[in-house]
Amino acid sequence: NKILKEIGADTIPQVLILNKIDLIDLGTTSKGCIRDEYDR
C-alpha cells in the first residue's frame, strides 16, 4: 500500500486475495469471501 501510494494508485478499489490457504489451517467456519458495506 505504501508503494501504491507512491505511484498514485492508493485510491483505486481493491479486492484482497488471501492466497496459499492450502498451506494453512483456517478452520471449517471461515467464509470463502467477505463483502463490504456496499455489498461488494
Full PDB file with SEQRES, HELIX, SHEET, SSBOND, CRYST1, ORIGX, SCALE, CONECT and MASTER records, all heavy atoms in Angstrom:
SEQRES   1 A   40  ASN LYS ILE LEU LYS GLU ILE GLY ALA ASP THR ILE PRO          
SEQRES   2 A   40  GLN VAL LEU ILE LEU ASN LYS ILE ASP LEU ILE ASP LEU          
SEQRES   3 A   40  GLY THR THR SER LYS GLY CYS ILE ARG ASP GLU TYR ASP          
SEQRES   4 A   40  ARG                                                          
HELIX    1 AA1 LYS A    2  GLU A    6  1                                   5    
HELIX    2 AA2 ILE A   21  LEU A   23  5                                   3    
CRYST1    1.000    1.000    1.000  90.00  90.00  90.00 P 1           1          
ORIGX1      1.000000  0.000000  0.000000        0.00000                         
ORIGX2      0.000000  1.000000  0.000000        0.00000                         
ORIGX3      0.000000  0.000000  1.000000        0.00000                         
SCALE1      1.000000  0.000000  0.000000        0.00000                         
SCALE2      0.000000  1.000000  0.000000        0.00000                         
SCALE3      0.000000  0.000000  1.000000        0.00000                         
ATOM      1  N   ASN A   1       0.828  -1.214   0.000  1.00  0.00           N  
ATOM      2  CA  ASN A   1       0.000   0.000   0.000  1.00  0.00           C  
ATOM      3  C   ASN A   1       0.858   1.259   0.000  1.00  0.00           C  
ATOM      4  O   ASN A   1       0.468   2.279  -0.592  1.00  0.00           O  
ATOM      5  CB  ASN A   1      -0.942  -0.008   1.204  1.00  0.00           C  
ATOM      6  CG  ASN A   1      -2.082  -1.001   1.039  1.00  0.00           C  
ATOM      7  OD1 ASN A   1      -2.492  -1.310  -0.083  1.00  0.00           O  
ATOM      8  ND2 ASN A   1      -2.604  -1.509   2.140  1.00  0.00           N  
ATOM      9  N   LYS A   2       2.026   1.188   0.645  1.00  0.00           N  
ATOM     10  CA  LYS A   2       2.923   2.345   0.670  1.00  0.00           C  
ATOM     11  C   LYS A   2       3.439   2.657  -0.736  1.00  0.00           C  
ATOM     12  O   LYS A   2       3.488   3.821  -1.146  1.00  0.00           O  
ATOM     13  CB  LYS A   2       4.094   2.062   1.618  1.00  0.00           C  
ATOM     14  CG  LYS A   2       5.000   3.261   1.852  1.00  0.00           C  
ATOM     15  CD  LYS A   2       5.916   3.035   3.050  1.00  0.00           C  
ATOM     16  CE  LYS A   2       6.962   1.991   2.753  1.00  0.00           C  
ATOM     17  NZ  LYS A   2       7.934   1.833   3.863  1.00  0.00           N  
ATOM     18  N   ILE A   3       3.798   1.610  -1.481  1.00  0.00           N  
ATOM     19  CA  ILE A   3       4.294   1.821  -2.848  1.00  0.00           C  
ATOM     20  C   ILE A   3       3.158   2.235  -3.771  1.00  0.00           C  
ATOM     21  O   ILE A   3       3.342   3.073  -4.669  1.00  0.00           O  
ATOM     22  CB  ILE A   3       4.997   0.550  -3.361  1.00  0.00           C  
ATOM     23  CG1 ILE A   3       6.230   0.270  -2.504  1.00  0.00           C  
ATOM     24  CG2 ILE A   3       5.406   0.708  -4.827  1.00  0.00           C  
ATOM     25  CD1 ILE A   3       6.938  -1.023  -2.811  1.00  0.00           C  
ATOM     26  N   LEU A   4       1.958   1.681  -3.563  1.00  0.00           N  
ATOM     27  CA  LEU A   4       0.802   2.093  -4.357  1.00  0.00           C  
ATOM     28  C   LEU A   4       0.527   3.583  -4.168  1.00  0.00           C  
ATOM     29  O   LEU A   4       0.179   4.297  -5.126  1.00  0.00           O  
ATOM     30  CB  LEU A   4      -0.438   1.281  -3.967  1.00  0.00           C  
ATOM     31  CG  LEU A   4      -0.449  -0.192  -4.393  1.00  0.00           C  
ATOM     32  CD1 LEU A   4      -1.689  -0.895  -3.842  1.00  0.00           C  
ATOM     33  CD2 LEU A   4      -0.398  -0.328  -5.916  1.00  0.00           C  
ATOM     34  N   LYS A   5       0.702   4.056  -2.946  1.00  0.00           N  
ATOM     35  CA  LYS A   5       0.515   5.485  -2.677  1.00  0.00           C  
ATOM     36  C   LYS A   5       1.598   6.301  -3.370  1.00  0.00           C  
ATOM     37  O   LYS A   5       1.329   7.381  -3.916  1.00  0.00           O  
ATOM     38  CB  LYS A   5       0.546   5.743  -1.170  1.00  0.00           C  
ATOM     39  CG  LYS A   5       0.236   7.188  -0.799  1.00  0.00           C  
ATOM     40  CD  LYS A   5       0.151   7.369   0.710  1.00  0.00           C  
ATOM     41  CE  LYS A   5      -0.222   8.813   1.063  1.00  0.00           C  
ATOM     42  NZ  LYS A   5      -0.333   8.998   2.536  1.00  0.00           N  
ATOM     43  N   GLU A   6       2.818   5.758  -3.388  1.00  0.00           N  
ATOM     44  CA  GLU A   6       3.944   6.466  -4.010  1.00  0.00           C  
ATOM     45  C   GLU A   6       3.729   6.658  -5.511  1.00  0.00           C  
ATOM     46  O   GLU A   6       4.124   7.682  -6.075  1.00  0.00           O  
ATOM     47  CB  GLU A   6       5.235   5.686  -3.758  1.00  0.00           C  
ATOM     48  CG  GLU A   6       6.496   6.393  -4.239  1.00  0.00           C  
ATOM     49  CD  GLU A   6       7.767   5.629  -3.892  1.00  0.00           C  
ATOM     50  OE1 GLU A   6       7.718   4.769  -2.994  1.00  0.00           O  
ATOM     51  OE2 GLU A   6       8.796   5.901  -4.528  1.00  0.00           O  
ATOM     52  N   ILE A   7       3.087   5.679  -6.167  1.00  0.00           N  
ATOM     53  CA  ILE A   7       2.875   5.788  -7.612  1.00  0.00           C  
ATOM     54  C   ILE A   7       1.500   6.355  -7.947  1.00  0.00           C  
ATOM     55  O   ILE A   7       1.144   6.474  -9.122  1.00  0.00           O  
ATOM     56  CB  ILE A   7       3.061   4.415  -8.308  1.00  0.00           C  
ATOM     57  CG1 ILE A   7       1.992   3.413  -7.846  1.00  0.00           C  
ATOM     58  CG2 ILE A   7       4.455   3.882  -8.076  1.00  0.00           C  
ATOM     59  CD1 ILE A   7       2.036   2.089  -8.588  1.00  0.00           C  
ATOM     60  N   GLY A   8       0.715   6.709  -6.915  1.00  0.00           N  
ATOM     61  CA  GLY A   8      -0.579   7.345  -7.148  1.00  0.00           C  
ATOM     62  C   GLY A   8      -1.718   6.388  -7.408  1.00  0.00           C  
ATOM     63  O   GLY A   8      -2.705   6.745  -8.069  1.00  0.00           O  
ATOM     64  N   ALA A   9      -1.618   5.149  -6.888  1.00  0.00           N  
ATOM     65  CA  ALA A   9      -2.667   4.150  -7.121  1.00  0.00           C  
ATOM     66  C   ALA A   9      -3.393   3.767  -5.834  1.00  0.00           C  
ATOM     67  O   ALA A   9      -4.077   2.738  -5.788  1.00  0.00           O  
ATOM     68  CB  ALA A   9      -2.053   2.897  -7.755  1.00  0.00           C  
ATOM     69  N   ASP A  10      -3.266   4.583  -4.795  1.00  0.00           N  
ATOM     70  CA  ASP A  10      -3.827   4.227  -3.487  1.00  0.00           C  
ATOM     71  C   ASP A  10      -5.335   4.436  -3.393  1.00  0.00           C  
ATOM     72  O   ASP A  10      -5.962   3.970  -2.441  1.00  0.00           O  
ATOM     73  CB  ASP A  10      -3.129   5.009  -2.374  1.00  0.00           C  
ATOM     74  CG  ASP A  10      -3.161   6.510  -2.611  1.00  0.00           C  
ATOM     75  OD1 ASP A  10      -2.952   6.934  -3.766  1.00  0.00           O  
ATOM     76  OD2 ASP A  10      -3.381   7.276  -1.653  1.00  0.00           O  
ATOM     77  N   THR A  11      -5.940   5.138  -4.368  1.00  0.00           N  
ATOM     78  CA  THR A  11      -7.392   5.384  -4.319  1.00  0.00           C  
ATOM     79  C   THR A  11      -8.177   4.392  -5.171  1.00  0.00           C  
ATOM     80  O   THR A  11      -9.403   4.444  -5.195  1.00  0.00           O  
ATOM     81  CB  THR A  11      -7.700   6.812  -4.797  1.00  0.00           C  
ATOM     82  OG1 THR A  11      -7.222   6.979  -6.140  1.00  0.00           O  
ATOM     83  CG2 THR A  11      -7.042   7.844  -3.891  1.00  0.00           C  
ATOM     84  N   ILE A  12      -7.498   3.501  -5.855  1.00  0.00           N  
ATOM     85  CA  ILE A  12      -8.184   2.514  -6.705  1.00  0.00           C  
ATOM     86  C   ILE A  12      -8.771   1.412  -5.823  1.00  0.00           C  
ATOM     87  O   ILE A  12      -8.098   0.900  -4.926  1.00  0.00           O  
ATOM     88  CB  ILE A  12      -7.197   1.914  -7.728  1.00  0.00           C  
ATOM     89  CG1 ILE A  12      -6.614   3.019  -8.613  1.00  0.00           C  
ATOM     90  CG2 ILE A  12      -7.886   0.862  -8.591  1.00  0.00           C  
ATOM     91  CD1 ILE A  12      -5.511   2.550  -9.527  1.00  0.00           C  
ATOM     92  N   PRO A  13     -10.037   1.019  -6.064  1.00  0.00           N  
ATOM     93  CA  PRO A  13     -10.665  -0.042  -5.252  1.00  0.00           C  
ATOM     94  C   PRO A  13      -9.856  -1.339  -5.291  1.00  0.00           C  
ATOM     95  O   PRO A  13      -9.331  -1.715  -6.342  1.00  0.00           O  
ATOM     96  CB  PRO A  13     -12.035  -0.226  -5.914  1.00  0.00           C  
ATOM     97  CG  PRO A  13     -12.297   1.056  -6.637  1.00  0.00           C  
ATOM     98  CD  PRO A  13     -10.966   1.563  -7.075  1.00  0.00           C  
ATOM     99  N   GLN A  14      -9.753  -2.002  -4.136  1.00  0.00           N  
ATOM    100  CA  GLN A  14      -9.003  -3.250  -4.032  1.00  0.00           C  
ATOM    101  C   GLN A  14      -9.902  -4.402  -3.603  1.00  0.00           C  
ATOM    102  O   GLN A  14     -10.836  -4.215  -2.826  1.00  0.00           O  
ATOM    103  CB  GLN A  14      -7.877  -3.127  -3.001  1.00  0.00           C  
ATOM    104  CG  GLN A  14      -6.748  -2.196  -3.355  1.00  0.00           C  
ATOM    105  CD  GLN A  14      -5.618  -2.285  -2.328  1.00  0.00           C  
ATOM    106  OE1 GLN A  14      -5.485  -3.283  -1.611  1.00  0.00           O  
ATOM    107  NE2 GLN A  14      -4.803  -1.251  -2.259  1.00  0.00           N  
ATOM    108  N   VAL A  15      -9.581  -5.585  -4.113  1.00  0.00           N  
ATOM    109  CA  VAL A  15     -10.121  -6.831  -3.578  1.00  0.00           C  
ATOM    110  C   VAL A  15      -8.932  -7.591  -3.006  1.00  0.00           C  
ATOM    111  O   VAL A  15      -7.973  -7.889  -3.722  1.00  0.00           O  
ATOM    112  CB  VAL A  15     -10.817  -7.678  -4.656  1.00  0.00           C  
ATOM    113  CG1 VAL A  15     -11.291  -9.003  -4.047  1.00  0.00           C  
ATOM    114  CG2 VAL A  15     -11.986  -6.933  -5.268  1.00  0.00           C  
ATOM    115  N   LEU A  16      -8.955  -7.856  -1.693  1.00  0.00           N  
ATOM    116  CA  LEU A  16      -7.844  -8.560  -1.049  1.00  0.00           C  
ATOM    117  C   LEU A  16      -7.983 -10.062  -1.290  1.00  0.00           C  
ATOM    118  O   LEU A  16      -9.017 -10.662  -0.978  1.00  0.00           O  
ATOM    119  CB  LEU A  16      -7.825  -8.269   0.451  1.00  0.00           C  
ATOM    120  CG  LEU A  16      -7.636  -6.803   0.859  1.00  0.00           C  
ATOM    121  CD1 LEU A  16      -7.600  -6.688   2.382  1.00  0.00           C  
ATOM    122  CD2 LEU A  16      -6.365  -6.222   0.259  1.00  0.00           C  
ATOM    123  N   ILE A  17      -6.945 -10.659  -1.877  1.00  0.00           N  
ATOM    124  CA  ILE A  17      -6.950 -12.089  -2.182  1.00  0.00           C  
ATOM    125  C   ILE A  17      -6.005 -12.788  -1.214  1.00  0.00           C  
ATOM    126  O   ILE A  17      -4.781 -12.665  -1.308  1.00  0.00           O  
ATOM    127  CB  ILE A  17      -6.486 -12.355  -3.628  1.00  0.00           C  
ATOM    128  CG1 ILE A  17      -7.242 -11.466  -4.627  1.00  0.00           C  
ATOM    129  CG2 ILE A  17      -6.639 -13.831  -3.969  1.00  0.00           C  
ATOM    130  CD1 ILE A  17      -8.689 -11.793  -4.778  1.00  0.00           C  
ATOM    131  N   LEU A  18      -6.567 -13.510  -0.239  1.00  0.00           N  
ATOM    132  CA  LEU A  18      -5.749 -14.253   0.729  1.00  0.00           C  
ATOM    133  C   LEU A  18      -5.347 -15.580   0.103  1.00  0.00           C  
ATOM    134  O   LEU A  18      -6.077 -16.569   0.159  1.00  0.00           O  
ATOM    135  CB  LEU A  18      -6.527 -14.466   2.029  1.00  0.00           C  
ATOM    136  CG  LEU A  18      -6.954 -13.185   2.752  1.00  0.00           C  
ATOM    137  CD1 LEU A  18      -7.845 -13.509   3.933  1.00  0.00           C  
ATOM    138  CD2 LEU A  18      -5.730 -12.410   3.225  1.00  0.00           C  
ATOM    139  N   ASN A  19      -4.169 -15.604  -0.522  1.00  0.00           N  
ATOM    140  CA  ASN A  19      -3.711 -16.754  -1.291  1.00  0.00           C  
ATOM    141  C   ASN A  19      -2.950 -17.761  -0.415  1.00  0.00           C  
ATOM    142  O   ASN A  19      -2.583 -17.464   0.712  1.00  0.00           O  
ATOM    143  CB  ASN A  19      -2.826 -16.256  -2.435  1.00  0.00           C  
ATOM    144  CG  ASN A  19      -2.532 -17.339  -3.456  1.00  0.00           C  
ATOM    145  OD1 ASN A  19      -3.315 -18.271  -3.635  1.00  0.00           O  
ATOM    146  ND2 ASN A  19      -1.405 -17.229  -4.125  1.00  0.00           N  
ATOM    147  N   LYS A  20      -2.736 -18.929  -0.972  1.00  0.00           N  
ATOM    148  CA  LYS A  20      -1.983 -20.032  -0.337  1.00  0.00           C  
ATOM    149  C   LYS A  20      -2.688 -20.562   0.909  1.00  0.00           C  
ATOM    150  O   LYS A  20      -2.028 -20.954   1.891  1.00  0.00           O  
ATOM    151  CB  LYS A  20      -0.553 -19.590   0.006  1.00  0.00           C  
ATOM    152  CG  LYS A  20       0.247 -19.096  -1.206  1.00  0.00           C  
ATOM    153  CD  LYS A  20       1.696 -18.835  -0.872  1.00  0.00           C  
ATOM    154  CE  LYS A  20       2.445 -18.282  -2.074  1.00  0.00           C  
ATOM    155  NZ  LYS A  20       3.885 -18.049  -1.809  1.00  0.00           N  
ATOM    156  N   ILE A  21      -4.023 -20.602   0.877  1.00  0.00           N  
ATOM    157  CA  ILE A  21      -4.760 -21.133   2.026  1.00  0.00           C  
ATOM    158  C   ILE A  21      -4.575 -22.644   2.158  1.00  0.00           C  
ATOM    159  O   ILE A  21      -4.891 -23.222   3.196  1.00  0.00           O  
ATOM    160  CB  ILE A  21      -6.266 -20.800   1.939  1.00  0.00           C  
ATOM    161  CG1 ILE A  21      -6.876 -21.404   0.671  1.00  0.00           C  
ATOM    162  CG2 ILE A  21      -6.497 -19.300   1.995  1.00  0.00           C  
ATOM    163  CD1 ILE A  21      -8.386 -21.346   0.651  1.00  0.00           C  
ATOM    164  N   ASP A  22      -4.051 -23.271   1.085  1.00  0.00           N  
ATOM    165  CA  ASP A  22      -3.773 -24.711   1.164  1.00  0.00           C  
ATOM    166  C   ASP A  22      -2.611 -25.010   2.111  1.00  0.00           C  
ATOM    167  O   ASP A  22      -2.422 -26.164   2.515  1.00  0.00           O  
ATOM    168  CB  ASP A  22      -3.455 -25.260  -0.236  1.00  0.00           C  
ATOM    169  CG  ASP A  22      -2.366 -24.463  -0.941  1.00  0.00           C  
ATOM    170  OD1 ASP A  22      -2.581 -23.256  -1.155  1.00  0.00           O  
ATOM    171  OD2 ASP A  22      -1.308 -25.039  -1.256  1.00  0.00           O  
ATOM    172  N   LEU A  23      -1.852 -23.963   2.478  1.00  0.00           N  
ATOM    173  CA  LEU A  23      -0.693 -24.156   3.359  1.00  0.00           C  
ATOM    174  C   LEU A  23      -1.008 -23.887   4.825  1.00  0.00           C  
ATOM    175  O   LEU A  23      -0.159 -24.074   5.685  1.00  0.00           O  
ATOM    176  CB  LEU A  23       0.456 -23.242   2.921  1.00  0.00           C  
ATOM    177  CG  LEU A  23       0.974 -23.431   1.491  1.00  0.00           C  
ATOM    178  CD1 LEU A  23       2.100 -22.446   1.201  1.00  0.00           C  
ATOM    179  CD2 LEU A  23       1.454 -24.861   1.271  1.00  0.00           C  
ATOM    180  N   ILE A  24      -2.231 -23.413   5.105  1.00  0.00           N  
ATOM    181  CA  ILE A  24      -2.585 -23.094   6.492  1.00  0.00           C  
ATOM    182  C   ILE A  24      -3.935 -23.699   6.837  1.00  0.00           C  
ATOM    183  O   ILE A  24      -4.715 -24.067   5.962  1.00  0.00           O  
ATOM    184  CB  ILE A  24      -2.635 -21.562   6.731  1.00  0.00           C  
ATOM    185  CG1 ILE A  24      -3.622 -20.905   5.761  1.00  0.00           C  
ATOM    186  CG2 ILE A  24      -1.258 -20.946   6.582  1.00  0.00           C  
ATOM    187  CD1 ILE A  24      -3.797 -19.424   6.000  1.00  0.00           C  
ATOM    188  N   ASP A  25      -4.225 -23.784   8.135  1.00  0.00           N  
ATOM    189  CA  ASP A  25      -5.494 -24.310   8.632  1.00  0.00           C  
ATOM    190  C   ASP A  25      -6.359 -23.134   9.082  1.00  0.00           C  
ATOM    191  O   ASP A  25      -6.126 -22.541  10.136  1.00  0.00           O  
ATOM    192  CB  ASP A  25      -5.250 -25.279   9.789  1.00  0.00           C  
ATOM    193  CG  ASP A  25      -6.555 -25.882  10.310  1.00  0.00           C  
ATOM    194  OD1 ASP A  25      -7.567 -25.807   9.580  1.00  0.00           O  
ATOM    195  OD2 ASP A  25      -6.543 -26.409  11.440  1.00  0.00           O  
ATOM    196  N   LEU A  26      -7.370 -22.792   8.278  1.00  0.00           N  
ATOM    197  CA  LEU A  26      -8.256 -21.676   8.604  1.00  0.00           C  
ATOM    198  C   LEU A  26      -9.516 -22.127   9.336  1.00  0.00           C  
ATOM    199  O   LEU A  26     -10.328 -21.306   9.737  1.00  0.00           O  
ATOM    200  CB  LEU A  26      -8.647 -20.924   7.324  1.00  0.00           C  
ATOM    201  CG  LEU A  26      -7.515 -20.182   6.598  1.00  0.00           C  
ATOM    202  CD1 LEU A  26      -8.030 -19.580   5.310  1.00  0.00           C  
ATOM    203  CD2 LEU A  26      -6.929 -19.107   7.484  1.00  0.00           C  
ATOM    204  N   GLY A  27      -9.671 -23.430   9.452  1.00  0.00           N  
ATOM    205  CA  GLY A  27     -10.879 -23.932  10.115  1.00  0.00           C  
ATOM    206  C   GLY A  27     -12.028 -24.067   9.132  1.00  0.00           C  
ATOM    207  O   GLY A  27     -12.042 -23.478   8.052  1.00  0.00           O  
ATOM    208  N   THR A  28     -13.027 -24.814   9.490  1.00  0.00           N  
ATOM    209  CA  THR A  28     -14.153 -25.074   8.586  1.00  0.00           C  
ATOM    210  C   THR A  28     -15.177 -23.946   8.579  1.00  0.00           C  
ATOM    211  O   THR A  28     -16.037 -23.890   7.717  1.00  0.00           O  
ATOM    212  CB  THR A  28     -14.862 -26.380   9.011  1.00  0.00           C  
ATOM    213  OG1 THR A  28     -15.266 -26.264  10.392  1.00  0.00           O  
ATOM    214  CG2 THR A  28     -13.925 -27.566   8.856  1.00  0.00           C  
ATOM    215  N   THR A  29     -15.089 -23.031   9.558  1.00  0.00           N  
ATOM    216  CA  THR A  29     -16.099 -21.967   9.648  1.00  0.00           C  
ATOM    217  C   THR A  29     -15.726 -20.726   8.839  1.00  0.00           C  
ATOM    218  O   THR A  29     -16.524 -19.812   8.718  1.00  0.00           O  
ATOM    219  CB  THR A  29     -16.294 -21.559  11.121  1.00  0.00           C  
ATOM    220  OG1 THR A  29     -15.032 -21.110  11.656  1.00  0.00           O  
ATOM    221  CG2 THR A  29     -16.798 -22.741  11.931  1.00  0.00           C  
ATOM    222  N   SER A  30     -14.502 -20.678   8.311  1.00  0.00           N  
ATOM    223  CA  SER A  30     -14.064 -19.497   7.563  1.00  0.00           C  
ATOM    224  C   SER A  30     -14.841 -19.359   6.263  1.00  0.00           C  
ATOM    225  O   SER A  30     -15.040 -20.334   5.540  1.00  0.00           O  
ATOM    226  CB  SER A  30     -12.561 -19.587   7.266  1.00  0.00           C  
ATOM    227  OG  SER A  30     -11.830 -19.633   8.467  1.00  0.00           O  
ATOM    228  N   LYS A  31     -15.292 -18.151   5.971  1.00  0.00           N  
ATOM    229  CA  LYS A  31     -16.047 -17.891   4.756  1.00  0.00           C  
ATOM    230  C   LYS A  31     -15.109 -17.792   3.564  1.00  0.00           C  
ATOM    231  O   LYS A  31     -13.964 -17.376   3.682  1.00  0.00           O  
ATOM    232  CB  LYS A  31     -16.834 -16.590   4.903  1.00  0.00           C  
ATOM    233  CG  LYS A  31     -17.928 -16.635   5.955  1.00  0.00           C  
ATOM    234  CD  LYS A  31     -18.675 -15.310   5.994  1.00  0.00           C  
ATOM    235  CE  LYS A  31     -19.791 -15.339   7.029  1.00  0.00           C  
ATOM    236  NZ  LYS A  31     -20.516 -14.047   7.097  1.00  0.00           N  
ATOM    237  N   GLY A  32     -15.658 -18.147   2.387  1.00  0.00           N  
ATOM    238  CA  GLY A  32     -14.873 -18.057   1.163  1.00  0.00           C  
ATOM    239  C   GLY A  32     -14.626 -16.620   0.755  1.00  0.00           C  
ATOM    240  O   GLY A  32     -13.610 -16.304   0.146  1.00  0.00           O  
ATOM    241  N   CYS A  33     -15.593 -15.749   1.075  1.00  0.00           N  
ATOM    242  CA  CYS A  33     -15.413 -14.336   0.750  1.00  0.00           C  
ATOM    243  C   CYS A  33     -16.149 -13.464   1.767  1.00  0.00           C  
ATOM    244  O   CYS A  33     -17.043 -13.930   2.463  1.00  0.00           O  
ATOM    245  CB  CYS A  33     -15.910 -14.029  -0.665  1.00  0.00           C  
ATOM    246  SG  CYS A  33     -17.704 -14.070  -0.860  1.00  0.00           S  
ATOM    247  N   ILE A  34     -15.744 -12.213   1.836  1.00  0.00           N  
ATOM    248  CA  ILE A  34     -16.366 -11.224   2.721  1.00  0.00           C  
ATOM    249  C   ILE A  34     -16.770 -10.032   1.872  1.00  0.00           C  
ATOM    250  O   ILE A  34     -16.023  -9.597   0.999  1.00  0.00           O  
ATOM    251  CB  ILE A  34     -15.398 -10.793   3.840  1.00  0.00           C  
ATOM    252  CG1 ILE A  34     -15.052 -11.974   4.735  1.00  0.00           C  
ATOM    253  CG2 ILE A  34     -15.985  -9.651   4.667  1.00  0.00           C  
ATOM    254  CD1 ILE A  34     -14.015 -11.664   5.798  1.00  0.00           C  
ATOM    255  N   ARG A  35     -17.980  -9.508   2.155  1.00  0.00           N  
ATOM    256  CA  ARG A  35     -18.457  -8.338   1.430  1.00  0.00           C  
ATOM    257  C   ARG A  35     -18.403  -7.109   2.325  1.00  0.00           C  
ATOM    258  O   ARG A  35     -18.519  -7.214   3.540  1.00  0.00           O  
ATOM    259  CB  ARG A  35     -19.882  -8.564   0.927  1.00  0.00           C  
ATOM    260  CG  ARG A  35     -19.984  -9.644  -0.157  1.00  0.00           C  
ATOM    261  CD  ARG A  35     -21.410  -9.836  -0.654  1.00  0.00           C  
ATOM    262  NE  ARG A  35     -21.475 -10.813  -1.724  1.00  0.00           N  
ATOM    263  CZ  ARG A  35     -21.335 -10.529  -3.016  1.00  0.00           C  
ATOM    264  NH1 ARG A  35     -21.152  -9.266  -3.391  1.00  0.00           N  
ATOM    265  NH2 ARG A  35     -21.407 -11.471  -3.936  1.00  0.00           N  
ATOM    266  N   ASP A  36     -18.240  -5.946   1.680  1.00  0.00           N  
ATOM    267  CA  ASP A  36     -18.180  -4.699   2.444  1.00  0.00           C  
ATOM    268  C   ASP A  36     -19.587  -4.136   2.645  1.00  0.00           C  
ATOM    269  O   ASP A  36     -20.589  -4.785   2.308  1.00  0.00           O  
ATOM    270  CB  ASP A  36     -17.270  -3.680   1.748  1.00  0.00           C  
ATOM    271  CG  ASP A  36     -17.753  -3.324   0.344  1.00  0.00           C  
ATOM    272  OD1 ASP A  36     -18.927  -3.580   0.019  1.00  0.00           O  
ATOM    273  OD2 ASP A  36     -16.948  -2.770  -0.435  1.00  0.00           O  
ATOM    274  N   GLU A  37     -19.678  -2.897   3.175  1.00  0.00           N  
ATOM    275  CA  GLU A  37     -20.980  -2.295   3.470  1.00  0.00           C  
ATOM    276  C   GLU A  37     -21.791  -1.974   2.222  1.00  0.00           C  
ATOM    277  O   GLU A  37     -23.001  -1.744   2.294  1.00  0.00           O  
ATOM    278  CB  GLU A  37     -20.794  -1.026   4.315  1.00  0.00           C  
ATOM    279  CG  GLU A  37     -20.026   0.106   3.633  1.00  0.00           C  
ATOM    280  CD  GLU A  37     -18.523   0.015   3.895  1.00  0.00           C  
ATOM    281  OE1 GLU A  37     -18.027  -1.102   4.140  1.00  0.00           O  
ATOM    282  OE2 GLU A  37     -17.865   1.074   3.851  1.00  0.00           O  
ATOM    283  N   TYR A  38     -21.114  -1.975   1.049  1.00  0.00           N  
ATOM    284  CA  TYR A  38     -21.816  -1.720  -0.213  1.00  0.00           C  
ATOM    285  C   TYR A  38     -22.152  -3.022  -0.943  1.00  0.00           C  
ATOM    286  O   TYR A  38     -22.527  -3.002  -2.112  1.00  0.00           O  
ATOM    287  CB  TYR A  38     -20.965  -0.830  -1.119  1.00  0.00           C  
ATOM    288  CG  TYR A  38     -20.601   0.488  -0.484  1.00  0.00           C  
ATOM    289  CD1 TYR A  38     -19.311   0.705   0.002  1.00  0.00           C  
ATOM    290  CD2 TYR A  38     -21.534   1.507  -0.353  1.00  0.00           C  
ATOM    291  CE1 TYR A  38     -18.962   1.910   0.604  1.00  0.00           C  
ATOM    292  CE2 TYR A  38     -21.194   2.716   0.246  1.00  0.00           C  
ATOM    293  CZ  TYR A  38     -19.912   2.911   0.722  1.00  0.00           C  
ATOM    294  OH  TYR A  38     -19.570   4.108   1.321  1.00  0.00           O  
ATOM    295  N   ASP A  39     -21.977  -4.140  -0.234  1.00  0.00           N  
ATOM    296  CA  ASP A  39     -22.253  -5.482  -0.762  1.00  0.00           C  
ATOM    297  C   ASP A  39     -21.303  -5.870  -1.892  1.00  0.00           C  
ATOM    298  O   ASP A  39     -21.625  -6.708  -2.727  1.00  0.00           O  
ATOM    299  CB  ASP A  39     -23.708  -5.601  -1.239  1.00  0.00           C  
ATOM    300  CG  ASP A  39     -24.148  -7.064  -1.324  1.00  0.00           C  
ATOM    301  OD1 ASP A  39     -23.691  -7.875  -0.490  1.00  0.00           O  
ATOM    302  OD2 ASP A  39     -24.922  -7.410  -2.238  1.00  0.00           O  
ATOM    303  N   ARG A  40     -20.117  -5.247  -1.934  1.00  0.00           N  
ATOM    304  CA  ARG A  40     -19.101  -5.647  -2.903  1.00  0.00           C  
ATOM    305  C   ARG A  40     -18.173  -6.670  -2.252  1.00  0.00           C  
ATOM    306  O   ARG A  40     -17.881  -6.578  -1.062  1.00  0.00           O  
ATOM    307  CB  ARG A  40     -18.255  -4.445  -3.342  1.00  0.00           C  
ATOM    308  CG  ARG A  40     -19.015  -3.320  -4.009  1.00  0.00           C  
ATOM    309  CD  ARG A  40     -18.013  -2.330  -4.599  1.00  0.00           C  
ATOM    310  NE  ARG A  40     -18.663  -1.108  -5.046  1.00  0.00           N  
ATOM    311  CZ  ARG A  40     -18.635   0.040  -4.387  1.00  0.00           C  
ATOM    312  NH1 ARG A  40     -18.004   0.123  -3.226  1.00  0.00           N  
ATOM    313  NH2 ARG A  40     -19.239   1.118  -4.872  1.00  0.00           N  
TER     314      ARG A  40                                                      
MASTER        0    0    0    2    0    0    0    6  313    1    0    4          
END                                                                             
